[in-house]
Amino acid sequence: MDQGLRLRPAEPDDYDRIVGVVDDWWGRPVRSILPRLFLDHFHRTSLVAEDGDGLAGFLIGLLSPSMPDAAYIHFVGVAPRLRGNGLARLLYERFFDLAAAEHRTKVKAITSPQNRGSIAFHTAMGFTVTGPVADYDGPTVDRVVFQRRLSADAQPH
């Protein structure tokens, strides 16, 4: 991992910068699944990575207000120039630490069944994989569901 990398909690003002790159980073339109409300209301539990070239990556996560033992990762991105160097793993591990510090025992996430890279990554990160779950996000919108248990003795780094 590049030593010039800085990881910090997200701020609402990060929204425009993040949404400004996601379509390019994904190579398809995805900005509609990242409305501003996530940075306005869940910035404290989201992360931004920066380096000398600017935005390096981000993780949008939240502590579930309805499931007191759960945290949820909604959206993660790593700049194409930095993929494969462990930044996504670092973002996830930092989020696991944050969730464990708030007494959460599991982290959840979802992806589309076509996103083989995401499925492989989550599997390598220790998530259980369920699905595809038919109609998870409405008629004909199937999703793969991930869950990872956090160890009871997990302590922030």
Protein backbone atom coordinates (compact mmCIF):
# COMPACT_ATOMS: atom_id res chain seq x y z
CA MET A 1 0.00 0.00 0.00
CA ASP A 2 1.29 3.41 -0.97
CA GLN A 3 2.47 5.37 2.07
CA GLY A 4 1.13 8.59 0.52
CA LEU A 5 -2.42 7.35 1.06
CA ARG A 6 -4.63 9.12 3.61
CA LEU A 7 -7.77 7.45 4.92
CA ARG A 8 -10.33 9.61 6.72
CA PRO A 9 -14.00 9.74 7.62
CA ALA A 10 -16.14 11.05 4.78
CA GLU A 11 -17.78 14.47 4.91
CA PRO A 12 -20.99 15.61 3.20
CA ASP A 13 -18.90 17.82 0.89
CA ASP A 14 -17.22 14.68 -0.53
CA TYR A 15 -20.42 13.79 -2.37
CA ASP A 16 -19.82 15.81 -5.53
CA ARG A 17 -16.29 14.49 -5.93
CA ILE A 18 -17.38 10.87 -5.43
CA VAL A 19 -20.45 10.99 -7.66
CA GLY A 20 -18.36 12.79 -10.27
CA VAL A 21 -16.13 9.71 -10.79
CA VAL A 22 -18.31 6.66 -10.17
CA ASP A 23 -19.66 6.29 -13.71
CA ASP A 24 -16.11 6.49 -15.12
CA TRP A 25 -14.71 4.12 -12.51
CA TRP A 26 -17.45 1.56 -13.24
CA GLY A 27 -17.55 2.11 -16.98
CA ARG A 28 -21.35 2.35 -16.85
CA PRO A 29 -24.00 4.57 -15.25
CA VAL A 30 -24.14 3.80 -11.50
CA ARG A 31 -24.45 7.24 -9.90
CA SER A 32 -28.21 6.77 -9.44
CA ILE A 33 -27.57 4.18 -6.70
CA LEU A 34 -25.57 6.70 -4.69
CA PRO A 35 -27.92 9.56 -3.77
CA ARG A 36 -26.63 12.48 -1.72
CA LEU A 37 -28.50 11.26 1.36
CA PHE A 38 -25.75 8.70 2.01
CA LEU A 39 -23.09 11.37 2.50
CA ASP A 40 -25.47 13.74 4.28
CA HIS A 41 -26.67 11.16 6.80
CA PHE A 42 -23.99 8.44 6.93
CA HIS A 43 -20.73 10.30 6.44
CA ARG A 44 -19.55 9.45 9.97
CA THR A 45 -19.55 5.76 9.04
CA SER A 46 -18.20 6.21 5.52
CA LEU A 47 -14.57 6.53 4.46
CA VAL A 48 -12.56 8.44 1.87
CA ALA A 49 -9.06 7.54 0.68
CA GLU A 50 -6.90 10.23 -0.93
CA ASP A 51 -3.41 10.34 -2.32
CA GLY A 52 -1.29 12.89 -4.16
CA ASP A 53 -3.46 12.46 -7.26
CA GLY A 54 -6.74 13.12 -5.45
CA LEU A 55 -9.58 10.74 -4.68
CA ALA A 56 -8.20 7.22 -4.43
CA GLY A 57 -11.25 5.39 -3.12
CA PHE A 58 -14.24 5.47 -0.83
CA LEU A 59 -16.58 3.27 1.16
CA ILE A 60 -20.16 4.28 1.93
CA GLY A 61 -21.33 2.35 4.97
CA LEU A 62 -23.82 2.65 7.76
CA LEU A 63 -24.75 1.22 11.12
CA SER A 64 -28.25 -0.18 10.74
CA PRO A 65 -30.74 1.80 12.80
CA SER A 66 -33.20 -1.14 12.63
CA MET A 67 -30.83 -4.04 13.31
CA PRO A 68 -28.64 -3.10 16.29
CA ASP A 69 -26.16 -5.91 15.59
CA ALA A 70 -25.66 -5.08 11.89
CA ALA A 71 -23.67 -2.71 9.71
CA TYR A 72 -24.11 -2.37 5.97
CA ILE A 73 -21.70 -1.50 3.16
CA HIS A 74 -23.65 0.24 0.40
CA PHE A 75 -21.04 1.32 -2.14
CA VAL A 76 -17.27 1.01 -2.49
CA GLY A 77 -15.00 2.36 -5.16
CA VAL A 78 -11.28 2.33 -5.89
CA ALA A 79 -9.73 4.46 -8.61
CA PRO A 80 -8.78 2.26 -11.58
CA ARG A 81 -5.14 3.40 -11.26
CA LEU A 82 -5.00 1.85 -7.76
CA ARG A 83 -6.90 -1.40 -8.19
CA GLY A 84 -5.19 -4.56 -7.03
CA ASN A 85 -3.02 -2.89 -4.38
CA GLY A 86 -5.13 -3.69 -1.29
CA LEU A 87 -7.00 -0.40 -0.95
CA ALA A 88 -10.45 -2.02 -1.05
CA ARG A 89 -9.34 -4.51 1.62
CA LEU A 90 -8.05 -1.62 3.75
CA LEU A 91 -11.35 0.27 3.41
CA TYR A 92 -13.31 -2.84 4.41
CA GLU A 93 -11.04 -3.61 7.36
CA ARG A 94 -11.33 -0.04 8.62
CA PHE A 95 -15.12 -0.28 8.33
CA PHE A 96 -15.09 -3.62 10.20
CA ASP A 97 -13.15 -1.91 13.00
CA LEU A 98 -15.64 0.96 13.07
CA ALA A 99 -18.60 -1.43 13.18
CA ALA A 100 -17.03 -3.58 15.90
CA ALA A 101 -16.31 -0.49 18.00
CA GLU A 102 -20.06 0.23 17.83
CA HIS A 103 -20.81 -3.34 19.00
CA ARG A 104 -21.98 -4.57 15.62
CA THR A 105 -21.46 -8.31 15.10
CA LYS A 106 -22.15 -8.61 11.38
CA VAL A 107 -21.62 -6.67 8.18
CA LYS A 108 -23.90 -7.05 5.19
CA ALA A 109 -23.68 -6.04 1.54
CA ILE A 110 -25.27 -6.93 -1.80
CA THR A 111 -24.31 -6.94 -5.47
CA SER A 112 -25.77 -7.94 -8.80
CA PRO A 113 -25.28 -11.58 -9.85
CA GLN A 114 -23.31 -10.39 -12.90
CA ASN A 115 -20.66 -8.69 -10.74
CA ARG A 116 -18.25 -11.63 -10.53
CA GLY A 117 -15.42 -9.42 -9.30
CA SER A 118 -17.47 -8.26 -6.33
CA ILE A 119 -18.56 -11.81 -5.52
CA ALA A 120 -14.95 -13.03 -5.62
CA PHE A 121 -13.75 -10.08 -3.50
CA HIS A 122 -16.41 -10.55 -0.82
CA THR A 123 -15.75 -14.29 -0.70
CA ALA A 124 -12.02 -13.61 -0.23
CA MET A 125 -12.88 -11.12 2.55
CA GLY A 126 -14.68 -13.86 4.50
CA PHE A 127 -18.28 -13.05 3.62
CA THR A 128 -20.83 -15.82 3.20
CA VAL A 129 -22.55 -15.62 -0.16
CA THR A 130 -26.27 -16.25 -0.62
CA GLY A 131 -28.05 -16.23 -3.93
CA PRO A 132 -28.72 -14.93 -6.36
CA VAL A 133 -31.89 -14.06 -4.45
CA ALA A 134 -34.70 -13.63 -6.98
CA ASP A 135 -36.55 -10.30 -6.91
CA TYR A 136 -34.46 -9.06 -3.94
CA ASP A 137 -34.72 -5.43 -5.07
CA GLY A 138 -38.11 -5.75 -6.77
CA PRO A 139 -39.44 -7.74 -9.70
CA THR A 140 -36.63 -9.11 -11.90
CA VAL A 141 -33.92 -7.37 -9.81
CA ASP A 142 -31.94 -10.27 -8.37
CA ARG A 143 -29.08 -9.72 -5.92
CA VAL A 144 -26.32 -11.72 -4.31
CA VAL A 145 -26.36 -11.17 -0.54
CA PHE A 146 -23.19 -11.11 1.55
CA GLN A 147 -22.76 -11.35 5.30
CA ARG A 148 -19.64 -11.46 7.44
CA ARG A 149 -19.58 -12.03 11.15
CA LEU A 150 -17.24 -9.82 13.13
CA SER A 151 -15.27 -11.49 15.87
CA ALA A 152 -16.41 -10.64 19.39
CA ASP A 153 -12.90 -9.60 20.32
CA ALA A 154 -12.36 -7.34 17.30
CA GLN A 155 -10.73 -4.12 18.37
CA PRO A 156 -10.06 -1.07 16.26
CA HIS A 157 -6.50 -0.79 14.95
